[in-house]
Structure formats: structure tokens, C-alpha cells
N, C-alpha and C. Protein backbone atom coordinates (compact mmCIF):
# COMPACT_ATOMS: atom_id res chain seq x y z
N MET A 1 26.16 28.06 29.51
CA MET A 1 25.84 28.88 28.38
C MET A 1 26.00 28.06 27.09
N ALA A 2 25.36 28.55 26.05
CA ALA A 2 25.44 27.87 24.78
C ALA A 2 26.78 28.14 24.12
N GLU A 3 27.27 27.10 23.47
CA GLU A 3 28.54 27.26 22.76
C GLU A 3 28.25 27.74 21.34
N HIS A 4 29.11 28.57 20.83
CA HIS A 4 28.97 29.07 19.47
C HIS A 4 30.05 28.44 18.62
N HIS A 5 29.61 27.70 17.61
CA HIS A 5 30.56 27.03 16.71
C HIS A 5 30.65 27.83 15.42
N SER A 6 31.82 27.96 14.92
CA SER A 6 31.98 28.70 13.68
C SER A 6 32.42 27.80 12.53
N GLY A 7 32.62 26.50 12.78
CA GLY A 7 33.08 25.58 11.75
C GLY A 7 31.92 25.03 10.94
N PRO A 8 32.22 24.14 10.00
CA PRO A 8 31.17 23.55 9.17
C PRO A 8 30.28 22.62 10.00
N VAL A 9 29.04 22.54 9.60
CA VAL A 9 28.07 21.71 10.30
C VAL A 9 28.18 20.28 9.77
N ASP A 10 28.27 19.30 10.66
CA ASP A 10 28.35 17.90 10.26
C ASP A 10 26.92 17.40 10.05
N VAL A 11 26.59 16.95 8.84
CA VAL A 11 25.24 16.52 8.52
C VAL A 11 25.11 15.00 8.52
N GLY A 12 26.13 14.28 8.86
CA GLY A 12 26.05 12.83 8.91
C GLY A 12 26.42 12.19 7.59
N ALA A 13 25.98 10.96 7.42
CA ALA A 13 26.32 10.21 6.22
C ALA A 13 25.57 10.77 5.01
N PRO A 14 26.14 10.63 3.83
CA PRO A 14 25.44 11.11 2.63
C PRO A 14 24.21 10.25 2.33
N MET A 15 23.23 10.85 1.68
CA MET A 15 21.99 10.14 1.35
C MET A 15 22.26 9.07 0.29
N ASP A 16 21.63 7.94 0.45
CA ASP A 16 21.67 6.87 -0.54
C ASP A 16 20.39 6.98 -1.35
N TYR A 17 20.44 7.74 -2.42
CA TYR A 17 19.23 8.05 -3.18
C TYR A 17 18.65 6.83 -3.88
N ALA A 18 19.48 5.90 -4.29
CA ALA A 18 18.96 4.70 -4.95
C ALA A 18 18.13 3.87 -3.96
N GLU A 19 18.62 3.72 -2.74
CA GLU A 19 17.87 2.99 -1.72
C GLU A 19 16.59 3.74 -1.33
N HIS A 20 16.67 5.05 -1.30
CA HIS A 20 15.49 5.86 -1.00
C HIS A 20 14.40 5.66 -2.05
N GLU A 21 14.78 5.63 -3.31
CA GLU A 21 13.82 5.42 -4.40
C GLU A 21 13.19 4.03 -4.31
N LYS A 22 14.00 3.00 -4.03
CA LYS A 22 13.46 1.65 -3.90
C LYS A 22 12.46 1.56 -2.74
N THR A 23 12.79 2.17 -1.63
CA THR A 23 11.89 2.15 -0.47
C THR A 23 10.59 2.88 -0.79
N TYR A 24 10.68 4.00 -1.47
CA TYR A 24 9.49 4.77 -1.82
C TYR A 24 8.60 3.99 -2.79
N LEU A 25 9.20 3.32 -3.76
CA LEU A 25 8.41 2.53 -4.70
C LEU A 25 7.74 1.35 -4.01
N ARG A 26 8.43 0.73 -3.05
CA ARG A 26 7.81 -0.36 -2.28
C ARG A 26 6.65 0.16 -1.45
N PHE A 27 6.80 1.34 -0.87
CA PHE A 27 5.71 1.95 -0.11
C PHE A 27 4.50 2.22 -1.01
N LEU A 28 4.74 2.73 -2.21
CA LEU A 28 3.64 2.98 -3.14
C LEU A 28 2.94 1.69 -3.54
N ASP A 29 3.72 0.63 -3.79
CA ASP A 29 3.12 -0.66 -4.13
C ASP A 29 2.29 -1.20 -2.98
N ALA A 30 2.81 -1.12 -1.75
CA ALA A 30 2.07 -1.60 -0.59
C ALA A 30 0.78 -0.81 -0.41
N SER A 31 0.83 0.49 -0.62
CA SER A 31 -0.37 1.32 -0.51
C SER A 31 -1.39 0.96 -1.59
N LYS A 32 -0.90 0.76 -2.79
CA LYS A 32 -1.78 0.46 -3.92
C LYS A 32 -2.48 -0.88 -3.72
N TYR A 33 -1.71 -1.92 -3.39
CA TYR A 33 -2.31 -3.24 -3.25
C TYR A 33 -3.09 -3.37 -1.93
N GLY A 34 -2.72 -2.64 -0.92
CA GLY A 34 -3.49 -2.62 0.31
C GLY A 34 -4.85 -1.99 0.10
N THR A 35 -4.90 -0.93 -0.68
CA THR A 35 -6.17 -0.29 -1.02
C THR A 35 -7.03 -1.22 -1.86
N LEU A 36 -6.41 -1.91 -2.80
CA LEU A 36 -7.15 -2.88 -3.61
C LEU A 36 -7.78 -3.95 -2.73
N PHE A 37 -7.02 -4.47 -1.77
CA PHE A 37 -7.52 -5.50 -0.87
C PHE A 37 -8.72 -4.99 -0.07
N CYS A 38 -8.61 -3.79 0.48
CA CYS A 38 -9.70 -3.23 1.29
C CYS A 38 -10.96 -2.98 0.46
N VAL A 39 -10.79 -2.44 -0.73
CA VAL A 39 -11.95 -2.16 -1.59
C VAL A 39 -12.61 -3.46 -2.03
N ALA A 40 -11.82 -4.46 -2.39
CA ALA A 40 -12.38 -5.75 -2.80
C ALA A 40 -13.11 -6.41 -1.63
N LEU A 41 -12.56 -6.28 -0.44
CA LEU A 41 -13.21 -6.84 0.74
C LEU A 41 -14.55 -6.16 1.01
N LEU A 42 -14.59 -4.83 0.90
CA LEU A 42 -15.84 -4.11 1.13
C LEU A 42 -16.90 -4.46 0.08
N ILE A 43 -16.49 -4.58 -1.16
CA ILE A 43 -17.45 -4.95 -2.22
C ILE A 43 -17.97 -6.36 -2.00
N ALA A 44 -17.09 -7.29 -1.65
CA ALA A 44 -17.52 -8.67 -1.41
C ALA A 44 -18.42 -8.76 -0.18
N MET A 45 -18.11 -8.00 0.86
CA MET A 45 -18.97 -8.00 2.05
C MET A 45 -20.34 -7.42 1.73
N ALA A 46 -20.38 -6.35 0.96
CA ALA A 46 -21.65 -5.75 0.59
C ALA A 46 -22.46 -6.73 -0.27
N ALA A 47 -21.79 -7.42 -1.19
CA ALA A 47 -22.50 -8.39 -2.03
C ALA A 47 -23.01 -9.56 -1.19
N GLY A 48 -22.25 -9.98 -0.20
CA GLY A 48 -22.67 -11.10 0.63
C GLY A 48 -23.78 -10.75 1.59
N PHE A 49 -23.75 -9.54 2.14
CA PHE A 49 -24.74 -9.17 3.15
C PHE A 49 -26.03 -8.61 2.57
N PHE A 50 -25.94 -7.87 1.47
CA PHE A 50 -27.11 -7.15 0.97
C PHE A 50 -27.75 -7.78 -0.26
N THR A 51 -27.20 -8.88 -0.74
CA THR A 51 -27.82 -9.60 -1.86
C THR A 51 -28.02 -11.04 -1.43
N THR A 52 -28.46 -11.86 -2.33
CA THR A 52 -28.67 -13.27 -2.02
C THR A 52 -27.49 -14.13 -2.46
N MET A 53 -26.29 -13.54 -2.57
CA MET A 53 -25.13 -14.28 -3.05
C MET A 53 -24.68 -15.36 -2.07
N GLY A 54 -24.64 -15.03 -0.80
CA GLY A 54 -24.19 -16.00 0.19
C GLY A 54 -22.69 -15.92 0.42
N LEU A 55 -22.21 -16.74 1.34
CA LEU A 55 -20.81 -16.69 1.77
C LEU A 55 -19.84 -17.16 0.69
N ILE A 56 -20.10 -18.31 0.12
CA ILE A 56 -19.16 -18.89 -0.85
C ILE A 56 -19.05 -17.99 -2.08
N SER A 57 -20.16 -17.50 -2.57
CA SER A 57 -20.13 -16.63 -3.76
C SER A 57 -19.41 -15.32 -3.48
N SER A 58 -19.57 -14.78 -2.28
CA SER A 58 -18.87 -13.53 -1.97
C SER A 58 -17.37 -13.76 -1.80
N ILE A 59 -16.97 -14.94 -1.31
CA ILE A 59 -15.54 -15.26 -1.24
C ILE A 59 -14.96 -15.38 -2.64
N VAL A 60 -15.69 -16.02 -3.53
CA VAL A 60 -15.25 -16.14 -4.92
C VAL A 60 -15.15 -14.76 -5.56
N LEU A 61 -16.14 -13.91 -5.30
CA LEU A 61 -16.10 -12.54 -5.82
C LEU A 61 -14.89 -11.78 -5.29
N PHE A 62 -14.60 -11.94 -4.01
CA PHE A 62 -13.44 -11.30 -3.40
C PHE A 62 -12.14 -11.73 -4.09
N ILE A 63 -11.99 -13.01 -4.33
CA ILE A 63 -10.79 -13.52 -4.99
C ILE A 63 -10.70 -13.00 -6.42
N LEU A 64 -11.82 -13.01 -7.14
CA LEU A 64 -11.82 -12.52 -8.52
C LEU A 64 -11.50 -11.03 -8.59
N LEU A 65 -12.03 -10.25 -7.67
CA LEU A 65 -11.73 -8.82 -7.66
C LEU A 65 -10.25 -8.56 -7.38
N ASN A 66 -9.67 -9.34 -6.47
CA ASN A 66 -8.24 -9.17 -6.19
C ASN A 66 -7.38 -9.56 -7.38
N VAL A 67 -7.73 -10.65 -8.05
CA VAL A 67 -6.96 -11.08 -9.22
C VAL A 67 -7.08 -10.06 -10.35
N ALA A 68 -8.31 -9.61 -10.62
CA ALA A 68 -8.51 -8.62 -11.68
C ALA A 68 -7.82 -7.31 -11.35
N GLY A 69 -7.94 -6.87 -10.11
CA GLY A 69 -7.28 -5.64 -9.70
C GLY A 69 -5.77 -5.72 -9.78
N PHE A 70 -5.21 -6.89 -9.45
CA PHE A 70 -3.77 -7.07 -9.54
C PHE A 70 -3.29 -6.87 -10.97
N PHE A 71 -4.02 -7.43 -11.94
CA PHE A 71 -3.61 -7.29 -13.33
C PHE A 71 -3.84 -5.88 -13.86
N PHE A 72 -4.88 -5.19 -13.38
CA PHE A 72 -5.11 -3.82 -13.83
C PHE A 72 -4.12 -2.84 -13.22
N LEU A 73 -3.64 -3.12 -12.01
CA LEU A 73 -2.74 -2.19 -11.33
C LEU A 73 -1.27 -2.41 -11.66
N ARG A 74 -0.93 -3.48 -12.35
CA ARG A 74 0.47 -3.73 -12.67
C ARG A 74 1.04 -2.74 -13.60
């Protein structure tokens, strides 16, 4: 049978809110820059495949988009 406890419930260790905030901010940064990387890659691939830019020009475009995006997202 189930036991019935009448005492206080043990909830474990107290939350470390400062560490939680740091982890959350790192997650947001990773999401932000990961999205930038994916969007820049898609734009560079579209420019390389559907225009006459070629491989080298699309790689340069990819790098420029990442650098510009990094400075805009800071």
C-alpha cells in the first residue's frame, strides 16, 4: 500500500538562479548565431546555384554575411 507522509516535502537543492540565467543567455546566443549561420548558408547557396556567381563568390558572400550578421546581432 502507499505510504502517507505528513511531513514537509523535500525539494532538493536550492536553485542557483545566477547559473540558470547564464545558461539561458548562452542558449539564446547559440540560437541566434546558429540561425544566422543557416540563413547565410541558404542565401549563399541560392546565389551560387541560381545566379552566375560561382563557388568562390558564393563562399565570399557567405563569409561576408556571417561577419555582417555578427556585428548587427551583437
